[in-house]
Amino acid sequence: MTGRNWDRERDRSRVARRGAETIDGAGVRHGPPAARKPKEKLRAEIEASTTPGVTVAKLLVCCCGHRGTVRVPIAKLGRAKFRCQRCKELTP
C-alpha cells in the first residue's frame, strides 16, 4: 500500500478542474434564521410597491400538462381564470 489518501487527492483534482467557491460567495447565511414576516406586512409591502398598471408574469399549469406564462394585472391576479389552448378547460 502506498498510504495515499485517494479521497483527498480526488477532492484536490476536482477543485483544480472546476474551481472552488468560498462560503461567503455561496449565498450561505450565517447566524440564526431570520424571523418570518407576517402576511399582513408582506401584503402591505406588495401593495405599497405596486402601481395600478403593473402586470405580473404568472406560470399556469393545466391538468392536461400544458404550461404557459401569462401577464396579469395585479388587480386581477387572484380572481382571473384562464382557458387552456390545448384542452379548452379552465385552469385552477
PDB file of N, CA and C in Angstrom:
ATOM      1  N   MET A   1       0.837  -1.179   0.000  1.00  0.00           N
ATOM      2  CA  MET A   1       0.000   0.000   0.000  1.00  0.00           C
ATOM      3  C   MET A   1       0.879   1.238   0.000  1.00  0.00           C
ATOM      4  N   THR A   2       0.388   2.250  -0.675  1.00  0.00           N
ATOM      5  CA  THR A   2       1.163   3.480  -0.788  1.00  0.00           C
ATOM      6  C   THR A   2       0.876   4.441   0.345  1.00  0.00           C
ATOM      7  N   GLY A   3      -0.232   4.261   1.053  1.00  0.00           N
ATOM      8  CA  GLY A   3      -0.561   5.147   2.156  1.00  0.00           C
ATOM      9  C   GLY A   3      -1.131   6.481   1.701  1.00  0.00           C
ATOM     10  N   ARG A   4      -1.593   6.553   0.451  1.00  0.00           N
ATOM     11  CA  ARG A   4      -2.147   7.812  -0.053  1.00  0.00           C
ATOM     12  C   ARG A   4      -3.627   7.886   0.270  1.00  0.00           C
ATOM     13  N   ASN A   5      -4.087   9.084   0.516  1.00  0.00           N
ATOM     14  CA  ASN A   5      -5.498   9.316   0.777  1.00  0.00           C
ATOM     15  C   ASN A   5      -6.153   9.706  -0.553  1.00  0.00           C
ATOM     16  N   TRP A   6      -6.788   8.721  -1.205  1.00  0.00           N
ATOM     17  CA  TRP A   6      -7.326   8.946  -2.536  1.00  0.00           C
ATOM     18  C   TRP A   6      -8.540   9.881  -2.518  1.00  0.00           C
ATOM     19  N   ASP A   7      -9.275   9.924  -1.434  1.00  0.00           N
ATOM     20  CA  ASP A   7     -10.401  10.856  -1.339  1.00  0.00           C
ATOM     21  C   ASP A   7      -9.906  12.302  -1.398  1.00  0.00           C
ATOM     22  N   ARG A   8      -8.870  12.586  -0.647  1.00  0.00           N
ATOM     23  CA  ARG A   8      -8.300  13.930  -0.646  1.00  0.00           C
ATOM     24  C   ARG A   8      -7.722  14.259  -2.022  1.00  0.00           C
ATOM     25  N   GLU A   9      -7.071  13.295  -2.632  1.00  0.00           N
ATOM     26  CA  GLU A   9      -6.495  13.503  -3.966  1.00  0.00           C
ATOM     27  C   GLU A   9      -7.598  13.809  -4.987  1.00  0.00           C
ATOM     28  N   ARG A  10      -8.713  13.070  -4.907  1.00  0.00           N
ATOM     29  CA  ARG A  10      -9.852  13.296  -5.789  1.00  0.00           C
ATOM     30  C   ARG A  10     -10.444  14.696  -5.575  1.00  0.00           C
ATOM     31  N   ASP A  11     -10.563  15.103  -4.306  1.00  0.00           N
ATOM     32  CA  ASP A  11     -11.102  16.426  -3.995  1.00  0.00           C
ATOM     33  C   ASP A  11     -10.196  17.524  -4.546  1.00  0.00           C
ATOM     34  N   ARG A  12      -8.915  17.387  -4.380  1.00  0.00           N
ATOM     35  CA  ARG A  12      -7.984  18.392  -4.884  1.00  0.00           C
ATOM     36  C   ARG A  12      -8.042  18.475  -6.404  1.00  0.00           C
ATOM     37  N   SER A  13      -8.141  17.326  -7.043  1.00  0.00           N
ATOM     38  CA  SER A  13      -8.231  17.300  -8.500  1.00  0.00           C
ATOM     39  C   SER A  13      -9.512  17.981  -8.980  1.00  0.00           C
ATOM     40  N   ARG A  14     -10.634  17.704  -8.309  1.00  0.00           N
ATOM     41  CA  ARG A  14     -11.915  18.308  -8.684  1.00  0.00           C
ATOM     42  C   ARG A  14     -11.878  19.826  -8.503  1.00  0.00           C
ATOM     43  N   VAL A  15     -11.278  20.299  -7.397  1.00  0.00           N
ATOM     44  CA  VAL A  15     -11.181  21.734  -7.157  1.00  0.00           C
ATOM     45  C   VAL A  15     -10.295  22.371  -8.216  1.00  0.00           C
ATOM     46  N   ALA A  16      -9.240  21.700  -8.610  1.00  0.00           N
ATOM     47  CA  ALA A  16      -8.357  22.236  -9.638  1.00  0.00           C
ATOM     48  C   ALA A  16      -9.076  22.331 -10.986  1.00  0.00           C
ATOM     49  N   ARG A  17      -9.913  21.359 -11.306  1.00  0.00           N
ATOM     50  CA  ARG A  17     -10.639  21.364 -12.574  1.00  0.00           C
ATOM     51  C   ARG A  17     -11.777  22.369 -12.599  1.00  0.00           C
ATOM     52  N   ARG A  18     -12.613  22.342 -11.556  1.00  0.00           N
ATOM     53  CA  ARG A  18     -13.847  23.123 -11.544  1.00  0.00           C
ATOM     54  C   ARG A  18     -13.737  24.444 -10.808  1.00  0.00           C
ATOM     55  N   GLY A  19     -12.755  24.579  -9.962  1.00  0.00           N
ATOM     56  CA  GLY A  19     -12.646  25.778  -9.154  1.00  0.00           C
ATOM     57  C   GLY A  19     -13.421  25.607  -7.864  1.00  0.00           C
ATOM     58  N   ALA A  20     -13.231  26.508  -6.955  1.00  0.00           N
ATOM     59  CA  ALA A  20     -13.897  26.429  -5.659  1.00  0.00           C
ATOM     60  C   ALA A  20     -14.496  27.778  -5.323  1.00  0.00           C
ATOM     61  N   GLU A  21     -15.538  27.754  -4.532  1.00  0.00           N
ATOM     62  CA  GLU A  21     -16.201  28.968  -4.113  1.00  0.00           C
ATOM     63  C   GLU A  21     -16.180  29.020  -2.592  1.00  0.00           C
ATOM     64  N   THR A  22     -15.906  30.193  -2.072  1.00  0.00           N
ATOM     65  CA  THR A  22     -15.860  30.322  -0.626  1.00  0.00           C
ATOM     66  C   THR A  22     -17.265  30.267  -0.051  1.00  0.00           C
ATOM     67  N   ILE A  23     -17.362  30.060   1.234  1.00  0.00           N
ATOM     68  CA  ILE A  23     -18.663  30.006   1.888  1.00  0.00           C
ATOM     69  C   ILE A  23     -19.365  31.350   1.770  1.00  0.00           C
ATOM     70  N   ASP A  24     -18.606  32.448   1.853  1.00  0.00           N
ATOM     71  CA  ASP A  24     -19.210  33.769   1.755  1.00  0.00           C
ATOM     72  C   ASP A  24     -19.833  33.998   0.387  1.00  0.00           C
ATOM     73  N   GLY A  25     -19.240  33.437  -0.654  1.00  0.00           N
ATOM     74  CA  GLY A  25     -19.764  33.640  -2.002  1.00  0.00           C
ATOM     75  C   GLY A  25     -20.843  32.655  -2.376  1.00  0.00           C
ATOM     76  N   ALA A  26     -21.104  31.664  -1.569  1.00  0.00           N
ATOM     77  CA  ALA A  26     -22.071  30.633  -1.909  1.00  0.00           C
ATOM     78  C   ALA A  26     -23.486  31.006  -1.516  1.00  0.00           C
ATOM     79  N   GLY A  27     -23.702  32.165  -0.967  1.00  0.00           N
ATOM     80  CA  GLY A  27     -25.042  32.565  -0.573  1.00  0.00           C
ATOM     81  C   GLY A  27     -25.491  31.963   0.739  1.00  0.00           C
ATOM     82  N   VAL A  28     -24.563  31.485   1.538  1.00  0.00           N
ATOM     83  CA  VAL A  28     -24.897  30.886   2.821  1.00  0.00           C
ATOM     84  C   VAL A  28     -25.032  31.994   3.853  1.00  0.00           C
ATOM     85  N   ARG A  29     -26.140  31.996   4.561  1.00  0.00           N
ATOM     86  CA  ARG A  29     -26.334  32.999   5.607  1.00  0.00           C
ATOM     87  C   ARG A  29     -25.812  32.447   6.915  1.00  0.00           C
ATOM     88  N   HIS A  30     -25.099  33.277   7.620  1.00  0.00           N
ATOM     89  CA  HIS A  30     -24.552  32.874   8.899  1.00  0.00           C
ATOM     90  C   HIS A  30     -25.469  33.346  10.016  1.00  0.00           C
ATOM     91  N   GLY A  31     -25.530  32.610  11.070  1.00  0.00           N
ATOM     92  CA  GLY A  31     -26.333  33.010  12.220  1.00  0.00           C
ATOM     93  C   GLY A  31     -27.711  32.370  12.187  1.00  0.00           C
ATOM     94  N   PRO A  32     -28.547  32.749  13.127  1.00  0.00           N
ATOM     95  CA  PRO A  32     -29.880  32.154  13.201  1.00  0.00           C
ATOM     96  C   PRO A  32     -30.746  32.589  12.022  1.00  0.00           C
ATOM     97  N   PRO A  33     -31.730  31.808  11.643  1.00  0.00           N
ATOM     98  CA  PRO A  33     -32.584  32.197  10.524  1.00  0.00           C
ATOM     99  C   PRO A  33     -33.398  33.440  10.858  1.00  0.00           C
ATOM    100  N   ALA A  34     -33.678  34.199   9.828  1.00  0.00           N
ATOM    101  CA  ALA A  34     -34.436  35.432  10.020  1.00  0.00           C
ATOM    102  C   ALA A  34     -35.889  35.091  10.348  1.00  0.00           C
ATOM    103  N   ALA A  35     -36.498  35.925  11.161  1.00  0.00           N
ATOM    104  CA  ALA A  35     -37.899  35.713  11.517  1.00  0.00           C
ATOM    105  C   ALA A  35     -38.774  35.988  10.303  1.00  0.00           C
ATOM    106  N   ARG A  36     -39.785  35.178  10.135  1.00  0.00           N
ATOM    107  CA  ARG A  36     -40.688  35.329   9.004  1.00  0.00           C
ATOM    108  C   ARG A  36     -41.653  36.485   9.262  1.00  0.00           C
ATOM    109  N   LYS A  37     -41.856  37.310   8.235  1.00  0.00           N
ATOM    110  CA  LYS A  37     -42.754  38.449   8.371  1.00  0.00           C
ATOM    111  C   LYS A  37     -44.206  37.963   8.328  1.00  0.00           C
ATOM    112  N   PRO A  38     -45.077  38.614   9.074  1.00  0.00           N
ATOM    113  CA  PRO A  38     -46.493  38.248   8.993  1.00  0.00           C
ATOM    114  C   PRO A  38     -47.068  38.586   7.616  1.00  0.00           C
ATOM    115  N   LYS A  39     -48.134  37.886   7.242  1.00  0.00           N
ATOM    116  CA  LYS A  39     -48.737  38.102   5.933  1.00  0.00           C
ATOM    117  C   LYS A  39     -49.253  39.526   5.769  1.00  0.00           C
ATOM    118  N   GLU A  40     -49.711  40.120   6.844  1.00  0.00           N
ATOM    119  CA  GLU A  40     -50.208  41.490   6.757  1.00  0.00           C
ATOM    120  C   GLU A  40     -49.114  42.439   6.272  1.00  0.00           C
ATOM    121  N   LYS A  41     -47.910  42.286   6.828  1.00  0.00           N
ATOM    122  CA  LYS A  41     -46.801  43.145   6.428  1.00  0.00           C
ATOM    123  C   LYS A  41     -46.370  42.860   4.994  1.00  0.00           C
ATOM    124  N   LEU A  42     -46.338  41.579   4.603  1.00  0.00           N
ATOM    125  CA  LEU A  42     -45.965  41.235   3.238  1.00  0.00           C
ATOM    126  C   LEU A  42     -46.958  41.817   2.240  1.00  0.00           C
ATOM    127  N   ARG A  43     -48.251  41.690   2.546  1.00  0.00           N
ATOM    128  CA  ARG A  43     -49.271  42.245   1.655  1.00  0.00           C
ATOM    129  C   ARG A  43     -49.166  43.760   1.576  1.00  0.00           C
ATOM    130  N   ALA A  44     -48.875  44.396   2.711  1.00  0.00           N
ATOM    131  CA  ALA A  44     -48.724  45.849   2.716  1.00  0.00           C
ATOM    132  C   ALA A  44     -47.519  46.276   1.877  1.00  0.00           C
ATOM    133  N   GLU A  45     -46.433  45.531   1.935  1.00  0.00           N
ATOM    134  CA  GLU A  45     -45.253  45.840   1.125  1.00  0.00           C
ATOM    135  C   GLU A  45     -45.563  45.693  -0.357  1.00  0.00           C
ATOM    136  N   ILE A  46     -46.282  44.629  -0.713  1.00  0.00           N
ATOM    137  CA  ILE A  46     -46.641  44.417  -2.117  1.00  0.00           C
ATOM    138  C   ILE A  46     -47.542  45.541  -2.598  1.00  0.00           C
ATOM    139  N   GLU A  47     -48.518  45.886  -1.795  1.00  0.00           N
ATOM    140  CA  GLU A  47     -49.454  46.952  -2.158  1.00  0.00           C
ATOM    141  C   GLU A  47     -48.737  48.287  -2.317  1.00  0.00           C
ATOM    142  N   ALA A  48     -47.783  48.571  -1.434  1.00  0.00           N
ATOM    143  CA  ALA A  48     -47.056  49.839  -1.488  1.00  0.00           C
ATOM    144  C   ALA A  48     -46.093  49.902  -2.672  1.00  0.00           C
ATOM    145  N   SER A  49     -45.569  48.766  -3.081  1.00  0.00           N
ATOM    146  CA  SER A  49     -44.555  48.772  -4.132  1.00  0.00           C
ATOM    147  C   SER A  49     -45.127  48.696  -5.536  1.00  0.00           C
ATOM    148  N   THR A  50     -46.424  48.471  -5.656  1.00  0.00           N
ATOM    149  CA  THR A  50     -47.011  48.322  -6.981  1.00  0.00           C
ATOM    150  C   THR A  50     -47.895  49.509  -7.320  1.00  0.00           C
ATOM    151  N   THR A  51     -47.922  49.817  -8.593  1.00  0.00           N
ATOM    152  CA  THR A  51     -48.822  50.833  -9.106  1.00  0.00           C
ATOM    153  C   THR A  51     -49.947  50.130  -9.839  1.00  0.00           C
ATOM    154  N   PRO A  52     -51.081  50.780 -10.082  1.00  0.00           N
ATOM    155  CA  PRO A  52     -52.228  50.094 -10.672  1.00  0.00           C
ATOM    156  C   PRO A  52     -51.974  49.462 -12.034  1.00  0.00           C
ATOM    157  N   GLY A  53     -51.095  49.999 -12.853  1.00  0.00           N
ATOM    158  CA  GLY A  53     -50.889  49.468 -14.199  1.00  0.00           C
ATOM    159  C   GLY A  53     -49.858  48.363 -14.294  1.00  0.00           C
ATOM    160  N   VAL A  54     -49.279  47.914 -13.194  1.00  0.00           N
ATOM    161  CA  VAL A  54     -48.210  46.925 -13.220  1.00  0.00           C
ATOM    162  C   VAL A  54     -48.788  45.540 -13.460  1.00  0.00           C
ATOM    163  N   THR A  55     -48.112  44.751 -14.290  1.00  0.00           N
ATOM    164  CA  THR A  55     -48.528  43.376 -14.537  1.00  0.00           C
ATOM    165  C   THR A  55     -47.495  42.417 -13.976  1.00  0.00           C
ATOM    166  N   VAL A  56     -47.941  41.196 -13.709  1.00  0.00           N
ATOM    167  CA  VAL A  56     -47.091  40.155 -13.150  1.00  0.00           C
ATOM    168  C   VAL A  56     -47.122  38.965 -14.089  1.00  0.00           C
ATOM    169  N   ALA A  57     -45.984  38.339 -14.325  1.00  0.00           N
ATOM    170  CA  ALA A  57     -45.941  37.126 -15.128  1.00  0.00           C
ATOM    171  C   ALA A  57     -46.306  35.950 -14.233  1.00  0.00           C
ATOM    172  N   LYS A  58     -47.265  35.142 -14.685  1.00  0.00           N
ATOM    173  CA  LYS A  58     -47.740  34.005 -13.898  1.00  0.00           C
ATOM    174  C   LYS A  58     -47.644  32.759 -14.751  1.00  0.00           C
ATOM    175  N   LEU A  59     -47.082  31.695 -14.175  1.00  0.00           N
ATOM    176  CA  LEU A  59     -46.968  30.417 -14.870  1.00  0.00           C
ATOM    177  C   LEU A  59     -48.207  29.600 -14.569  1.00  0.00           C
ATOM    178  N   LEU A  60     -48.903  29.175 -15.610  1.00  0.00           N
ATOM    179  CA  LEU A  60     -50.111  28.367 -15.463  1.00  0.00           C
ATOM    180  C   LEU A  60     -49.808  26.940 -15.884  1.00  0.00           C
ATOM    181  N   VAL A  61     -50.338  25.974 -15.132  1.00  0.00           N
ATOM    182  CA  VAL A  61     -50.172  24.573 -15.462  1.00  0.00           C
ATOM    183  C   VAL A  61     -51.558  23.951 -15.510  1.00  0.00           C
ATOM    184  N   CYS A  62     -51.905  23.388 -16.651  1.00  0.00           N
ATOM    185  CA  CYS A  62     -53.216  22.769 -16.842  1.00  0.00           C
ATOM    186  C   CYS A  62     -53.158  21.304 -16.421  1.00  0.00           C
ATOM    187  N   CYS A  63     -54.330  20.723 -16.201  1.00  0.00           N
ATOM    188  CA  CYS A  63     -54.380  19.304 -15.824  1.00  0.00           C
ATOM    189  C   CYS A  63     -53.935  18.397 -16.972  1.00  0.00           C
ATOM    190  N   CYS A  64     -53.964  18.887 -18.221  1.00  0.00           N
ATOM    191  CA  CYS A  64     -53.518  18.089 -19.365  1.00  0.00           C
ATOM    192  C   CYS A  64     -52.000  18.112 -19.508  1.00  0.00           C
ATOM    193  N   GLY A  65     -51.320  18.956 -18.709  1.00  0.00           N
ATOM    194  CA  GLY A  65     -49.863  19.035 -18.769  1.00  0.00           C
ATOM    195  C   GLY A  65     -49.352  20.238 -19.523  1.00  0.00           C
ATOM    196  N   HIS A  66     -50.235  20.956 -20.202  1.00  0.00           N
ATOM    197  CA  HIS A  66     -49.834  22.135 -20.947  1.00  0.00           C
ATOM    198  C   HIS A  66     -49.462  23.253 -19.974  1.00  0.00           C
ATOM    199  N   ARG A  67     -48.367  23.943 -20.260  1.00  0.00           N
ATOM    200  CA  ARG A  67     -47.924  25.036 -19.398  1.00  0.00           C
ATOM    201  C   ARG A  67     -47.756  26.293 -20.225  1.00  0.00           C
ATOM    202  N   GLY A  68     -48.000  27.434 -19.592  1.00  0.00           N
ATOM    203  CA  GLY A  68     -47.840  28.696 -20.293  1.00  0.00           C
ATOM    204  C   GLY A  68     -47.673  29.833 -19.303  1.00  0.00           C
ATOM    205  N   THR A  69     -47.088  30.914 -19.785  1.00  0.00           N
ATOM    206  CA  THR A  69     -46.882  32.096 -18.964  1.00  0.00           C
ATOM    207  C   THR A  69     -47.766  33.209 -19.504  1.00  0.00           C
ATOM    208  N   VAL A  70     -48.495  33.873 -18.611  1.00  0.00           N
ATOM    209  CA  VAL A  70     -49.351  34.993 -18.993  1.00  0.00           C
ATOM    210  C   VAL A  70     -48.995  36.191 -18.122  1.00  0.00           C
ATOM    211  N   ARG A  71     -49.290  37.372 -18.646  1.00  0.00           N
ATOM    212  CA  ARG A  71     -49.079  38.592 -17.874  1.00  0.00           C
ATOM    213  C   ARG A  71     -50.443  39.062 -17.399  1.00  0.00           C
ATOM    214  N   VAL A  72     -50.566  39.198 -16.077  1.00  0.00           N
ATOM    215  CA  VAL A  72     -51.842  39.523 -15.453  1.00  0.00           C
ATOM    216  C   VAL A  72     -51.688  40.829 -14.676  1.00  0.00           C
ATOM    217  N   PRO A  73     -52.642  41.737 -14.812  1.00  0.00           N
ATOM    218  CA  PRO A  73     -52.603  42.933 -13.954  1.00  0.00           C
ATOM    219  C   PRO A  73     -52.737  42.531 -12.497  1.00  0.00           C
ATOM    220  N   ILE A  74     -52.058  43.224 -11.629  1.00  0.00           N
ATOM    221  CA  ILE A  74     -52.056  42.866 -10.216  1.00  0.00           C
ATOM    222  C   ILE A  74     -53.464  42.901  -9.638  1.00  0.00           C
ATOM    223  N   ALA A  75     -54.303  43.809 -10.117  1.00  0.00           N
ATOM    224  CA  ALA A  75     -55.661  43.909  -9.594  1.00  0.00           C
ATOM    225  C   ALA A  75     -56.468  42.633  -9.858  1.00  0.00           C
ATOM    226  N   LYS A  76     -56.150  41.897 -10.929  1.00  0.00           N
ATOM    227  CA  LYS A  76     -56.908  40.696 -11.287  1.00  0.00           C
ATOM    228  C   LYS A  76     -56.156  39.407 -10.953  1.00  0.00           C
ATOM    229  N   LEU A  77     -55.070  39.500 -10.237  1.00  0.00           N
ATOM    230  CA  LEU A  77     -54.205  38.343 -10.014  1.00  0.00           C
ATOM    231  C   LEU A  77     -54.910  37.196  -9.295  1.00  0.00           C
ATOM    232  N   GLY A  78     -55.700  37.469  -8.282  1.00  0.00           N
ATOM    233  CA  GLY A  78     -56.312  36.407  -7.505  1.00  0.00           C
ATOM    234  C   GLY A  78     -57.549  35.800  -8.115  1.00  0.00           C
ATOM    235  N   ARG A  79     -58.261  36.536  -8.969  1.00  0.00           N
ATOM    236  CA  ARG A  79     -59.544  36.035  -9.429  1.00  0.00           C
ATOM    237  C   ARG A  79     -59.625  35.801 -10.931  1.00  0.00           C
ATOM    238  N   ALA A  80     -58.533  35.956 -11.660  1.00  0.00           N
ATOM    239  CA  ALA A  80     -58.544  35.749 -13.102  1.00  0.00           C
ATOM    240  C   ALA A  80     -58.558  34.249 -13.418  1.00  0.00           C
ATOM    241  N   LYS A  81     -59.404  33.855 -14.384  1.00  0.00           N
ATOM    242  CA  LYS A  81     -59.469  32.467 -14.845  1.00  0.00           C
ATOM    243  C   LYS A  81     -58.955  32.423 -16.276  1.00  0.00           C
ATOM    244  N   PHE A  82     -58.260  31.357 -16.608  1.00  0.00           N
ATOM    245  CA  PHE A  82     -57.696  31.214 -17.939  1.00  0.00           C
ATOM    246  C   PHE A  82     -58.104  29.871 -18.525  1.00  0.00           C
ATOM    247  N   ARG A  83     -58.261  29.838 -19.845  1.00  0.00           N
ATOM    248  CA  ARG A  83     -58.650  28.615 -20.532  1.00  0.00           C
ATOM    249  C   ARG A  83     -57.435  28.062 -21.269  1.00  0.00           C
ATOM    250  N   CYS A  84     -57.221  26.749 -21.133  1.00  0.00           N
ATOM    251  CA  CYS A  84     -56.095  26.076 -21.797  1.00  0.00           C
ATOM    252  C   CYS A  84     -56.327  26.080 -23.306  1.00  0.00           C
ATOM    253  N   GLN A  85     -55.296  26.374 -24.080  1.00  0.00           N
ATOM    254  CA  GLN A  85     -55.419  26.383 -25.527  1.00  0.00           C
ATOM    255  C   GLN A  85     -55.506  24.979 -26.104  1.00  0.00           C
ATOM    256  N   ARG A  86     -54.979  24.011 -25.383  1.00  0.00           N
ATOM    257  CA  ARG A  86     -54.944  22.645 -25.889  1.00  0.00           C
ATOM    258  C   ARG A  86     -56.252  21.899 -25.598  1.00  0.00           C
ATOM    259  N   CYS A  87     -56.659  21.854 -24.325  1.00  0.00           N
ATOM    260  CA  CYS A  87     -57.840  21.043 -23.962  1.00  0.00           C
ATOM    261  C   CYS A  87     -59.082  21.880 -23.699  1.00  0.00           C
ATOM    262  N   LYS A  88     -58.976  23.207 -23.737  1.00  0.00           N
ATOM    263  CA  LYS A  88     -60.093  24.139 -23.556  1.00  0.00           C
ATOM    264  C   LYS A  88     -60.720  24.096 -22.167  1.00  0.00           C
ATOM    265  N   GLU A  89     -60.026  23.569 -21.171  1.00  0.00           N
ATOM    266  CA  GLU A  89     -60.528  23.537 -19.783  1.00  0.00           C
ATOM    267  C   GLU A  89     -60.029  24.787 -19.045  1.00  0.00           C
ATOM    268  N   LEU A  90     -60.783  25.208 -18.032  1.00  0.00           N
ATOM    269  CA  LEU A  90     -60.332  26.319 -17.201  1.00  0.00           C
ATOM    270  C   LEU A  90     -59.211  25.868 -16.291  1.00  0.00           C
ATOM    271  N   THR A  91     -58.206  26.712 -16.134  1.00  0.00           N
ATOM    272  CA  THR A  91     -57.090  26.370 -15.254  1.00  0.00           C
ATOM    273  C   THR A  91     -57.456  26.713 -13.819  1.00  0.00           C
ATOM    274  N   PRO A  92     -56.966  25.943 -12.885  1.00  0.00           N
ATOM    275  CA  PRO A  92     -57.269  26.236 -11.474  1.00  0.00           C
ATOM    276  C   PRO A  92     -56.540  27.461 -10.963  1.00  0.00           C
TER     277      PRO A  92
END
